[in-house]
Amino acid sequence: METKAMHSRLTPQHVAQVGTELAILWNDGVESYIGLEDLRRACPCAVCQGEADVMGQVDRPETKLVPSSFQLRGYQWIGGYALQPSWGDGHGTGLYTFTYLRKVCEGKNAL
C-alpha cells in the first residue's frame, strides 16, 4: 500500500543552467531560479560552512571566493536525494539535498 509520504518527496524534474542562474522544475510544479553566486555562497559543505567540534562549537573557515568560484562547470545527481555542483575554481564537495536546495532557492536561511 502506498502512502502519501511516498508521493510527497520533493525532487527536481528538470535542472538547467540559464545564463548566470540555475533553473529547477520541481515535481510539485514550482519553478525555481537561483543565481549561481547565491548557490555557491550557500554551499553546505564543511569546507565552506565549517564543522562542529565535540563541544558543538563551529569553526568557520575563511573561504576566498574568486570569479571562477561562481562558474558552474557541471553537476551530478547523488542518489535520489541531492545535487552536487562542481565549480570553476575546482570546488565540488557540496551536497545540496533537495530540501536544502529548495530552501536556498526560496531565499530562506537554509543553514
Protein backbone atom coordinates (compact mmCIF):
# COMPACT_ATOMS: atom_id res chain seq x y z
CA MET A 1 0.00 0.00 0.00
CA GLU A 2 1.42 3.38 -1.00
CA THR A 3 1.28 6.24 1.46
CA LYS A 4 1.01 9.96 0.91
CA ALA A 5 4.61 10.35 2.13
CA MET A 6 5.79 8.30 -0.84
CA HIS A 7 4.24 10.84 -3.19
CA SER A 8 5.34 13.96 -1.31
CA ARG A 9 9.12 13.54 -1.65
CA LEU A 10 10.46 16.77 -3.10
CA THR A 11 12.56 16.15 -6.21
CA PRO A 12 13.68 18.18 -9.21
CA GLN A 13 12.22 17.02 -12.51
CA HIS A 14 14.50 19.19 -14.63
CA VAL A 15 17.61 21.25 -13.87
CA ALA A 16 19.36 23.56 -16.33
CA GLN A 17 21.76 26.47 -16.26
CA VAL A 18 20.24 29.57 -17.83
CA GLY A 19 22.85 32.30 -18.06
CA THR A 20 24.02 33.05 -14.52
CA GLU A 21 21.14 31.17 -12.88
CA LEU A 22 20.19 27.59 -12.18
CA ALA A 23 16.60 26.83 -13.17
CA ILE A 24 14.81 23.96 -11.45
CA LEU A 25 11.40 22.50 -12.18
CA TRP A 26 10.21 20.63 -9.09
CA ASN A 27 7.85 17.68 -9.02
CA ASP A 28 5.22 19.84 -7.28
CA GLY A 29 5.13 22.16 -10.31
CA VAL A 30 7.13 25.01 -8.76
CA GLU A 31 9.83 26.60 -10.91
CA SER A 32 12.86 27.97 -9.04
CA TYR A 33 15.64 30.21 -10.28
CA ILE A 34 18.72 30.90 -8.22
CA GLY A 35 21.78 32.92 -9.10
CA LEU A 36 24.95 30.86 -9.33
CA GLU A 37 26.72 33.19 -6.91
CA ASP A 38 23.95 32.72 -4.33
CA LEU A 39 24.04 28.97 -4.89
CA ARG A 40 27.80 28.81 -4.34
CA ARG A 41 27.68 31.03 -1.26
CA ALA A 42 25.10 28.62 0.20
CA CYS A 43 27.40 25.61 -0.25
CA PRO A 44 26.67 23.37 2.74
CA CYS A 45 30.00 21.51 2.86
CA ALA A 46 32.33 21.63 5.86
CA VAL A 47 34.99 23.44 3.83
CA CYS A 48 32.59 26.36 3.25
CA GLN A 49 30.36 26.31 6.34
CA GLY A 50 32.66 24.86 8.95
CA GLU A 51 32.33 21.83 11.12
CA ALA A 52 31.29 21.40 14.73
CA ASP A 53 33.80 20.04 17.22
CA VAL A 54 32.85 17.63 20.01
CA MET A 55 31.60 20.56 22.12
CA GLY A 56 29.34 21.81 19.33
CA GLN A 57 31.45 24.87 18.54
CA VAL A 58 31.60 25.57 14.82
CA ASP A 59 34.91 26.68 13.40
CA ARG A 60 34.02 28.61 10.26
CA PRO A 61 36.89 28.67 7.79
CA GLU A 62 37.66 31.75 5.76
CA THR A 63 36.82 30.81 2.19
CA LYS A 64 38.26 33.05 -0.51
CA LEU A 65 35.91 33.17 -3.46
CA VAL A 66 37.14 34.40 -6.84
CA PRO A 67 35.20 34.98 -10.08
CA SER A 68 35.67 31.36 -11.18
CA SER A 69 34.06 30.28 -7.89
CA PHE A 70 30.71 31.25 -9.39
CA GLN A 71 31.13 29.47 -12.72
CA LEU A 72 29.15 26.26 -12.75
CA ARG A 73 31.11 23.57 -14.58
CA GLY A 74 28.52 20.85 -14.10
CA TYR A 75 26.65 18.86 -11.52
CA GLN A 76 25.79 15.29 -10.72
CA TRP A 77 22.84 13.63 -9.10
CA ILE A 78 23.64 11.92 -5.81
CA GLY A 79 21.26 9.05 -5.25
CA GLY A 80 17.69 10.27 -5.14
CA TYR A 81 18.31 12.99 -2.60
CA ALA A 82 20.94 15.57 -3.64
CA LEU A 83 22.65 17.58 -6.34
CA GLN A 84 26.44 18.08 -6.27
CA PRO A 85 27.68 21.06 -8.31
CA SER A 86 31.25 21.43 -9.50
CA TRP A 87 32.61 24.95 -9.80
CA GLY A 88 35.22 26.68 -11.94
CA ASP A 89 37.66 27.03 -9.06
CA GLY A 90 37.76 23.26 -8.55
CA HIS A 91 35.37 23.14 -5.60
CA GLY A 92 32.88 20.30 -5.71
CA THR A 93 32.28 18.81 -2.26
CA GLY A 94 28.92 20.41 -1.51
CA LEU A 95 25.90 18.09 -1.45
CA TYR A 96 22.71 20.11 -1.78
CA THR A 97 19.90 17.87 -0.58
CA PHE A 98 16.73 18.58 -2.50
CA THR A 99 15.05 20.00 0.62
CA TYR A 100 18.05 22.26 1.29
CA LEU A 101 18.22 23.31 -2.37
CA ARG A 102 14.55 24.28 -2.37
CA LYS A 103 15.03 26.39 0.77
CA VAL A 104 18.02 28.13 -0.78
CA CYS A 105 16.01 28.81 -3.94
CA GLU A 106 13.22 30.31 -1.86
CA GLY A 107 15.71 32.65 -0.19
CA LYS A 108 15.28 31.05 3.21
CA ASN A 109 18.18 30.83 5.61
CA ALA A 110 18.78 27.15 4.99
CA LEU A 111 21.87 26.76 7.18
